[in-house]
Amino acid sequence: MADDSASVDVLNGAAQTRLRTIIERVERLEEDKAAVMNDMKEVFAEAKGEGFDVKILRKIVRLRKQDRAKRLEEEALIDLYLSAIGGL
């Protein structure tokens, strides 16, 4: 393993500061992401408690993100493939 002091010398002071700033921003975003994921978990738990199917809710959220034309094309292909294998 290389000497740590030699490794630090490769980056000048400005680059070290910039690197530290970037890493700290990513760490804060990871914390924010964890908080948002926890909030989503709570919302899905609430929905489940009210009798909604969480798996279907997740699928709806995913589908709503897709472009409508792309989604319709995908659904048509699924229908075609299922028909081809006798799945319908």
C-alpha atoms as a PDB file:
ATOM      1  CA  MET A   1       0.000   0.000   0.000  1.00  0.00           C
ATOM      2  CA  ALA A   2       1.287   3.459  -0.895  1.00  0.00           C
ATOM      3  CA  ASP A   3       2.287   5.949   1.770  1.00  0.00           C
ATOM      4  CA  ASP A   4      -0.804   8.051   2.668  1.00  0.00           C
ATOM      5  CA  SER A   5       1.160  11.313   2.737  1.00  0.00           C
ATOM      6  CA  ALA A   6       2.406  10.649  -0.810  1.00  0.00           C
ATOM      7  CA  SER A   7      -1.151   9.922  -1.947  1.00  0.00           C
ATOM      8  CA  VAL A   8      -2.443  13.203  -0.490  1.00  0.00           C
ATOM      9  CA  ASP A   9       0.307  15.116  -2.289  1.00  0.00           C
ATOM     10  CA  VAL A  10      -1.171  14.029  -5.628  1.00  0.00           C
ATOM     11  CA  LEU A  11      -4.170  16.349  -5.076  1.00  0.00           C
ATOM     12  CA  ASN A  12      -3.564  20.037  -4.468  1.00  0.00           C
ATOM     13  CA  GLY A  13      -5.392  21.883  -1.708  1.00  0.00           C
ATOM     14  CA  ALA A  14      -8.204  23.104  -3.970  1.00  0.00           C
ATOM     15  CA  ALA A  15      -8.794  19.600  -5.359  1.00  0.00           C
ATOM     16  CA  GLN A  16      -8.799  18.113  -1.851  1.00  0.00           C
ATOM     17  CA  THR A  17     -11.343  20.696  -0.711  1.00  0.00           C
ATOM     18  CA  ARG A  18     -13.530  20.077  -3.767  1.00  0.00           C
ATOM     19  CA  LEU A  19     -13.340  16.311  -3.248  1.00  0.00           C
ATOM     20  CA  ARG A  20     -14.311  16.679   0.410  1.00  0.00           C
ATOM     21  CA  THR A  21     -17.256  18.918  -0.578  1.00  0.00           C
ATOM     22  CA  ILE A  22     -18.478  16.404  -3.144  1.00  0.00           C
ATOM     23  CA  ILE A  23     -18.230  13.503  -0.697  1.00  0.00           C
ATOM     24  CA  GLU A  24     -20.078  15.464   1.999  1.00  0.00           C
ATOM     25  CA  ARG A  25     -22.856  16.376  -0.464  1.00  0.00           C
ATOM     26  CA  VAL A  26     -23.265  12.724  -1.450  1.00  0.00           C
ATOM     27  CA  GLU A  27     -23.391  11.742   2.219  1.00  0.00           C
ATOM     28  CA  ARG A  28     -26.127  14.324   2.894  1.00  0.00           C
ATOM     29  CA  LEU A  29     -28.083  13.100  -0.119  1.00  0.00           C
ATOM     30  CA  GLU A  30     -27.788   9.522   1.163  1.00  0.00           C
ATOM     31  CA  GLU A  31     -29.253  10.690   4.479  1.00  0.00           C
ATOM     32  CA  ASP A  32     -32.078  12.500   2.640  1.00  0.00           C
ATOM     33  CA  LYS A  33     -32.703   9.408   0.532  1.00  0.00           C
ATOM     34  CA  ALA A  34     -32.977   7.241   3.653  1.00  0.00           C
ATOM     35  CA  ALA A  35     -35.476   9.700   5.153  1.00  0.00           C
ATOM     36  CA  VAL A  36     -37.577   9.725   1.962  1.00  0.00           C
ATOM     37  CA  MET A  37     -37.520   5.921   1.773  1.00  0.00           C
ATOM     38  CA  ASN A  38     -38.723   5.774   5.370  1.00  0.00           C
ATOM     39  CA  ASP A  39     -41.529   8.234   4.552  1.00  0.00           C
ATOM     40  CA  MET A  40     -42.565   6.102   1.561  1.00  0.00           C
ATOM     41  CA  LYS A  41     -42.553   2.993   3.741  1.00  0.00           C
ATOM     42  CA  GLU A  42     -44.892   4.747   6.160  1.00  0.00           C
ATOM     43  CA  VAL A  43     -47.256   5.823   3.351  1.00  0.00           C
ATOM     44  CA  PHE A  44     -47.400   2.287   1.958  1.00  0.00           C
ATOM     45  CA  ALA A  45     -48.021   0.927   5.464  1.00  0.00           C
ATOM     46  CA  GLU A  46     -50.876   3.414   5.843  1.00  0.00           C
ATOM     47  CA  ALA A  47     -52.305   2.356   2.474  1.00  0.00           C
ATOM     48  CA  LYS A  48     -52.042  -1.309   3.450  1.00  0.00           C
ATOM     49  CA  GLY A  49     -53.800  -0.524   6.720  1.00  0.00           C
ATOM     50  CA  GLU A  50     -56.660   0.952   4.710  1.00  0.00           C
ATOM     51  CA  GLY A  51     -56.959  -2.225   2.648  1.00  0.00           C
ATOM     52  CA  PHE A  52     -55.046  -1.229  -0.501  1.00  0.00           C
ATOM     53  CA  ASP A  53     -52.752  -3.726  -2.226  1.00  0.00           C
ATOM     54  CA  VAL A  54     -49.269  -2.223  -1.880  1.00  0.00           C
ATOM     55  CA  LYS A  55     -47.824  -4.318  -4.700  1.00  0.00           C
ATOM     56  CA  ILE A  56     -50.405  -2.892  -7.082  1.00  0.00           C
ATOM     57  CA  LEU A  57     -49.854   0.647  -5.793  1.00  0.00           C
ATOM     58  CA  ARG A  58     -46.113   0.313  -6.489  1.00  0.00           C
ATOM     59  CA  LYS A  59     -46.874  -0.943  -9.980  1.00  0.00           C
ATOM     60  CA  ILE A  60     -49.208   1.992 -10.642  1.00  0.00           C
ATOM     61  CA  VAL A  61     -46.544   4.459  -9.501  1.00  0.00           C
ATOM     62  CA  ARG A  62     -44.040   2.784 -11.844  1.00  0.00           C
ATOM     63  CA  LEU A  63     -46.492   2.797 -14.750  1.00  0.00           C
ATOM     64  CA  ARG A  64     -47.350   6.469 -14.259  1.00  0.00           C
ATOM     65  CA  LYS A  65     -43.667   7.332 -14.666  1.00  0.00           C
ATOM     66  CA  GLN A  66     -43.597   5.749 -18.121  1.00  0.00           C
ATOM     67  CA  ASP A  67     -44.431   7.543 -21.340  1.00  0.00           C
ATOM     68  CA  ARG A  68     -48.000   6.590 -22.319  1.00  0.00           C
ATOM     69  CA  ALA A  69     -47.083   5.481 -25.852  1.00  0.00           C
ATOM     70  CA  LYS A  70     -44.184   3.392 -24.561  1.00  0.00           C
ATOM     71  CA  ARG A  71     -46.431   1.807 -21.934  1.00  0.00           C
ATOM     72  CA  LEU A  72     -49.088   0.932 -24.529  1.00  0.00           C
ATOM     73  CA  GLU A  73     -46.435  -0.558 -26.808  1.00  0.00           C
ATOM     74  CA  GLU A  74     -45.100  -2.657 -23.929  1.00  0.00           C
ATOM     75  CA  GLU A  75     -48.592  -3.861 -23.008  1.00  0.00           C
ATOM     76  CA  ALA A  76     -49.275  -4.799 -26.648  1.00  0.00           C
ATOM     77  CA  LEU A  77     -46.054  -6.814 -26.787  1.00  0.00           C
ATOM     78  CA  ILE A  78     -46.914  -8.587 -23.548  1.00  0.00           C
ATOM     79  CA  ASP A  79     -50.343  -9.488 -24.943  1.00  0.00           C
ATOM     80  CA  LEU A  80     -48.777 -10.674 -28.200  1.00  0.00           C
ATOM     81  CA  TYR A  81     -46.195 -12.852 -26.454  1.00  0.00           C
ATOM     82  CA  LEU A  82     -48.771 -14.320 -24.063  1.00  0.00           C
ATOM     83  CA  SER A  83     -51.057 -15.132 -26.991  1.00  0.00           C
ATOM     84  CA  ALA A  84     -48.161 -16.738 -28.859  1.00  0.00           C
ATOM     85  CA  ILE A  85     -47.498 -19.133 -25.984  1.00  0.00           C
ATOM     86  CA  GLY A  86     -51.170 -19.770 -25.261  1.00  0.00           C
ATOM     87  CA  GLY A  87     -51.039 -17.827 -22.015  1.00  0.00           C
ATOM     88  CA  LEU A  88     -54.343 -15.997 -22.418  1.00  0.00           C
END
